[in-house]
N, C-alpha and C. Protein backbone atom coordinates (compact mmCIF):
# COMPACT_ATOMS: atom_id res chain seq x y z
N MET A 1 -30.44 7.13 -25.90
CA MET A 1 -30.32 6.51 -24.60
C MET A 1 -31.45 7.04 -23.70
N THR A 2 -32.08 6.13 -23.05
CA THR A 2 -33.19 6.52 -22.18
C THR A 2 -32.65 6.92 -20.82
N PRO A 3 -33.43 7.64 -20.04
CA PRO A 3 -32.98 8.00 -18.68
C PRO A 3 -32.68 6.77 -17.81
N ARG A 4 -33.41 5.73 -18.08
CA ARG A 4 -33.19 4.48 -17.28
C ARG A 4 -31.79 3.90 -17.60
N HIS A 5 -31.41 3.89 -18.88
CA HIS A 5 -30.07 3.39 -19.25
C HIS A 5 -28.99 4.29 -18.64
N ALA A 6 -29.19 5.58 -18.69
CA ALA A 6 -28.23 6.51 -18.12
C ALA A 6 -28.05 6.26 -16.63
N LEU A 7 -29.18 6.03 -15.94
CA LEU A 7 -29.12 5.76 -14.49
C LEU A 7 -28.37 4.47 -14.19
N ILE A 8 -28.60 3.43 -14.99
CA ILE A 8 -27.90 2.17 -14.83
C ILE A 8 -26.40 2.37 -15.00
N ILE A 9 -26.02 3.11 -16.02
CA ILE A 9 -24.60 3.37 -16.28
C ILE A 9 -23.97 4.12 -15.10
N VAL A 10 -24.66 5.13 -14.59
CA VAL A 10 -24.14 5.92 -13.49
C VAL A 10 -23.97 5.02 -12.23
N VAL A 11 -24.95 4.22 -11.96
CA VAL A 11 -24.88 3.33 -10.78
C VAL A 11 -23.71 2.35 -10.95
N CYS A 12 -23.55 1.79 -12.13
CA CYS A 12 -22.41 0.88 -12.39
C CYS A 12 -21.07 1.58 -12.18
N LEU A 13 -20.96 2.80 -12.67
CA LEU A 13 -19.73 3.57 -12.47
C LEU A 13 -19.44 3.82 -11.01
N ILE A 14 -20.47 4.18 -10.26
CA ILE A 14 -20.29 4.44 -8.83
C ILE A 14 -19.86 3.20 -8.10
N VAL A 15 -20.53 2.07 -8.38
CA VAL A 15 -20.16 0.79 -7.73
C VAL A 15 -18.72 0.41 -8.11
N GLY A 16 -18.38 0.58 -9.37
CA GLY A 16 -16.99 0.29 -9.80
C GLY A 16 -15.97 1.14 -9.09
N LEU A 17 -16.24 2.42 -8.94
CA LEU A 17 -15.32 3.32 -8.23
C LEU A 17 -15.19 2.95 -6.77
N VAL A 18 -16.27 2.59 -6.14
CA VAL A 18 -16.22 2.16 -4.74
C VAL A 18 -15.33 0.95 -4.59
N PHE A 19 -15.54 -0.06 -5.43
CA PHE A 19 -14.68 -1.27 -5.38
C PHE A 19 -13.22 -0.93 -5.66
N TYR A 20 -12.98 -0.07 -6.64
CA TYR A 20 -11.63 0.31 -6.99
C TYR A 20 -10.97 1.03 -5.79
N SER A 21 -11.68 1.94 -5.17
CA SER A 21 -11.05 2.67 -4.04
C SER A 21 -10.82 1.75 -2.84
N GLU A 22 -11.70 0.81 -2.61
CA GLU A 22 -11.49 -0.16 -1.55
C GLU A 22 -10.28 -1.05 -1.84
N LEU A 23 -10.11 -1.43 -3.06
CA LEU A 23 -8.98 -2.25 -3.46
C LEU A 23 -7.66 -1.53 -3.18
N HIS A 24 -7.64 -0.23 -3.43
CA HIS A 24 -6.41 0.53 -3.24
C HIS A 24 -6.29 1.17 -1.88
N ALA A 25 -7.33 1.05 -1.06
CA ALA A 25 -7.28 1.69 0.27
C ALA A 25 -6.41 0.88 1.23
N ARG A 26 -6.30 -0.40 1.03
CA ARG A 26 -5.45 -1.22 1.89
C ARG A 26 -4.59 -2.12 1.00
N PRO A 27 -3.38 -2.37 1.44
CA PRO A 27 -2.50 -3.17 0.60
C PRO A 27 -2.94 -4.60 0.46
N GLN A 28 -2.86 -5.14 -0.71
CA GLN A 28 -3.21 -6.53 -0.99
C GLN A 28 -1.93 -7.34 -0.98
N GLN A 29 -1.96 -8.45 -0.29
CA GLN A 29 -0.78 -9.33 -0.25
C GLN A 29 -0.60 -10.01 -1.58
N ASP A 30 0.54 -9.75 -2.18
CA ASP A 30 0.82 -10.38 -3.46
C ASP A 30 1.87 -11.48 -3.36
N GLY A 31 2.47 -11.64 -2.18
CA GLY A 31 3.47 -12.64 -1.97
C GLY A 31 4.82 -12.31 -2.63
N GLN A 32 4.90 -11.16 -3.29
CA GLN A 32 6.14 -10.77 -3.96
C GLN A 32 6.81 -9.56 -3.34
N CYS A 33 6.24 -9.04 -2.27
CA CYS A 33 6.74 -7.89 -1.55
C CYS A 33 6.45 -6.57 -2.25
N LEU A 34 5.96 -6.63 -3.46
CA LEU A 34 5.70 -5.40 -4.25
C LEU A 34 4.60 -4.55 -3.64
N ASP A 35 3.56 -5.19 -3.07
CA ASP A 35 2.49 -4.46 -2.46
C ASP A 35 2.97 -3.68 -1.24
N ASP A 36 3.88 -4.28 -0.48
CA ASP A 36 4.41 -3.62 0.68
C ASP A 36 5.35 -2.45 0.31
N VAL A 37 6.08 -2.62 -0.75
CA VAL A 37 6.95 -1.54 -1.23
C VAL A 37 6.09 -0.38 -1.69
N SER A 38 5.04 -0.65 -2.42
CA SER A 38 4.14 0.36 -2.90
C SER A 38 3.47 1.12 -1.74
N HIS A 39 2.99 0.39 -0.78
CA HIS A 39 2.34 1.02 0.38
C HIS A 39 3.36 1.87 1.18
N TYR A 40 4.56 1.36 1.32
CA TYR A 40 5.60 2.13 2.01
C TYR A 40 5.86 3.45 1.28
N ASN A 41 5.98 3.40 -0.02
CA ASN A 41 6.24 4.60 -0.81
C ASN A 41 5.10 5.61 -0.70
N GLU A 42 3.89 5.11 -0.65
CA GLU A 42 2.76 6.04 -0.46
C GLU A 42 2.81 6.69 0.92
N LEU A 43 3.15 5.92 1.93
CA LEU A 43 3.20 6.48 3.28
C LEU A 43 4.32 7.48 3.46
N THR A 44 5.43 7.31 2.76
CA THR A 44 6.51 8.28 2.90
C THR A 44 6.09 9.65 2.43
N VAL A 45 5.12 9.72 1.55
CA VAL A 45 4.64 11.01 1.03
C VAL A 45 3.59 11.60 1.96
N THR A 46 2.74 10.76 2.56
CA THR A 46 1.60 11.26 3.30
C THR A 46 1.76 11.28 4.81
N THR A 47 2.82 10.68 5.33
CA THR A 47 2.96 10.52 6.79
C THR A 47 3.32 11.82 7.48
N GLN A 48 2.93 11.88 8.74
CA GLN A 48 3.24 13.06 9.57
C GLN A 48 4.10 12.67 10.77
N VAL A 49 4.85 11.57 10.69
CA VAL A 49 5.64 11.12 11.82
C VAL A 49 6.95 11.91 11.87
N ASP A 50 7.61 11.84 13.04
CA ASP A 50 8.86 12.61 13.25
C ASP A 50 10.00 11.99 12.45
N PHE A 51 11.11 12.75 12.43
CA PHE A 51 12.27 12.39 11.64
C PHE A 51 12.90 11.07 12.12
N ALA A 52 12.93 10.86 13.44
CA ALA A 52 13.55 9.68 13.99
C ALA A 52 12.76 8.41 13.55
N THR A 53 11.45 8.55 13.52
CA THR A 53 10.61 7.44 13.06
C THR A 53 10.82 7.16 11.60
N ARG A 54 10.97 8.23 10.81
CA ARG A 54 11.26 8.04 9.38
C ARG A 54 12.58 7.32 9.15
N LEU A 55 13.57 7.64 10.01
CA LEU A 55 14.87 6.95 9.87
C LEU A 55 14.74 5.47 10.22
N GLN A 56 13.96 5.14 11.28
CA GLN A 56 13.74 3.75 11.62
C GLN A 56 13.04 3.03 10.47
N ALA A 57 12.05 3.66 9.91
CA ALA A 57 11.33 3.06 8.78
C ALA A 57 12.25 2.86 7.58
N SER A 58 13.14 3.84 7.36
CA SER A 58 14.06 3.73 6.25
C SER A 58 15.03 2.57 6.44
N ASP A 59 15.48 2.35 7.69
CA ASP A 59 16.31 1.19 7.97
C ASP A 59 15.59 -0.10 7.69
N LEU A 60 14.32 -0.18 8.07
CA LEU A 60 13.53 -1.40 7.80
C LEU A 60 13.31 -1.57 6.30
N ARG A 61 13.15 -0.47 5.57
CA ARG A 61 13.04 -0.55 4.13
C ARG A 61 14.32 -1.14 3.52
N ALA A 62 15.47 -0.69 4.02
CA ALA A 62 16.74 -1.22 3.52
C ALA A 62 16.86 -2.70 3.83
N GLU A 63 16.40 -3.11 5.02
CA GLU A 63 16.39 -4.54 5.34
C GLU A 63 15.49 -5.32 4.41
N GLY A 64 14.31 -4.77 4.13
CA GLY A 64 13.40 -5.43 3.19
C GLY A 64 14.02 -5.56 1.82
N TYR A 65 14.68 -4.53 1.36
CA TYR A 65 15.33 -4.57 0.06
C TYR A 65 16.43 -5.63 0.02
N HIS A 66 17.17 -5.72 1.16
CA HIS A 66 18.21 -6.76 1.26
C HIS A 66 17.58 -8.15 1.07
N TRP A 67 16.47 -8.40 1.75
CA TRP A 67 15.85 -9.72 1.65
C TRP A 67 15.28 -9.95 0.27
N TRP A 68 14.75 -8.91 -0.35
CA TRP A 68 14.24 -9.02 -1.72
C TRP A 68 15.35 -9.47 -2.66
N LYS A 69 16.53 -8.81 -2.54
CA LYS A 69 17.68 -9.19 -3.38
C LYS A 69 18.10 -10.62 -3.14
N GLN A 70 17.98 -11.07 -1.90
CA GLN A 70 18.36 -12.46 -1.58
C GLN A 70 17.29 -13.48 -2.02
N GLY A 71 16.14 -12.98 -2.41
CA GLY A 71 15.07 -13.87 -2.85
C GLY A 71 14.15 -14.36 -1.74
N ASP A 72 14.34 -13.79 -0.50
CA ASP A 72 13.49 -14.19 0.61
C ASP A 72 12.34 -13.19 0.70
N LEU A 73 11.29 -13.45 -0.04
CA LEU A 73 10.19 -12.53 -0.16
C LEU A 73 9.36 -12.43 1.12
N GLU A 74 9.30 -13.51 1.89
CA GLU A 74 8.57 -13.46 3.17
C GLU A 74 9.21 -12.49 4.13
N ARG A 75 10.55 -12.57 4.25
CA ARG A 75 11.25 -11.61 5.14
C ARG A 75 11.20 -10.21 4.60
N CYS A 76 11.19 -10.08 3.26
CA CYS A 76 11.06 -8.76 2.66
C CYS A 76 9.73 -8.12 3.08
N GLU A 77 8.68 -8.92 2.93
CA GLU A 77 7.34 -8.40 3.29
C GLU A 77 7.27 -8.06 4.77
N GLN A 78 7.89 -8.87 5.61
CA GLN A 78 7.87 -8.59 7.06
C GLN A 78 8.56 -7.27 7.38
N ALA A 79 9.70 -7.03 6.80
CA ALA A 79 10.47 -5.81 7.04
C ALA A 79 9.70 -4.59 6.54
N TYR A 80 9.17 -4.67 5.32
CA TYR A 80 8.40 -3.53 4.78
C TYR A 80 7.12 -3.30 5.62
N HIS A 81 6.52 -4.38 6.04
CA HIS A 81 5.31 -4.28 6.86
C HIS A 81 5.62 -3.51 8.15
N ARG A 82 6.72 -3.88 8.80
CA ARG A 82 7.10 -3.17 10.04
C ARG A 82 7.38 -1.70 9.73
N ALA A 83 8.01 -1.43 8.57
CA ALA A 83 8.34 -0.06 8.17
C ALA A 83 7.05 0.77 8.00
N TRP A 84 6.08 0.20 7.26
CA TRP A 84 4.89 1.04 7.05
C TRP A 84 4.01 1.12 8.26
N LEU A 85 4.13 0.18 9.21
CA LEU A 85 3.43 0.33 10.47
C LEU A 85 4.00 1.51 11.24
N LEU A 86 5.32 1.65 11.22
CA LEU A 86 5.95 2.82 11.85
C LEU A 86 5.46 4.10 11.21
N LEU A 87 5.44 4.16 9.91
CA LEU A 87 5.07 5.35 9.20
C LEU A 87 3.60 5.71 9.38
N SER A 88 2.78 4.69 9.60
CA SER A 88 1.35 4.97 9.76
C SER A 88 1.02 5.31 11.25
N GLY A 89 2.02 5.29 12.11
CA GLY A 89 1.82 5.67 13.51
C GLY A 89 1.35 4.56 14.41
N HIS A 90 1.48 3.33 13.99
CA HIS A 90 1.07 2.21 14.87
C HIS A 90 2.22 1.66 15.68
């Protein structure tokens, strides 16, 4: 392998990692509420909000789960979205 080939491989890996990290840096709407559930779960680990805010977010998560069970994925996404906005401090 020539140094030029090695450089091309390294550049491709860096570009791939940048795209991968951007893809996972913000939730992608999947229309199935799964992206919002995943983002909520990540925020519960990393958030620094107070206990009362966590309780509010947990209530919204329960609401989202209720809508998911009922098959109303739009309302599920709305509830989870409100929950993770609380957890992210917005």
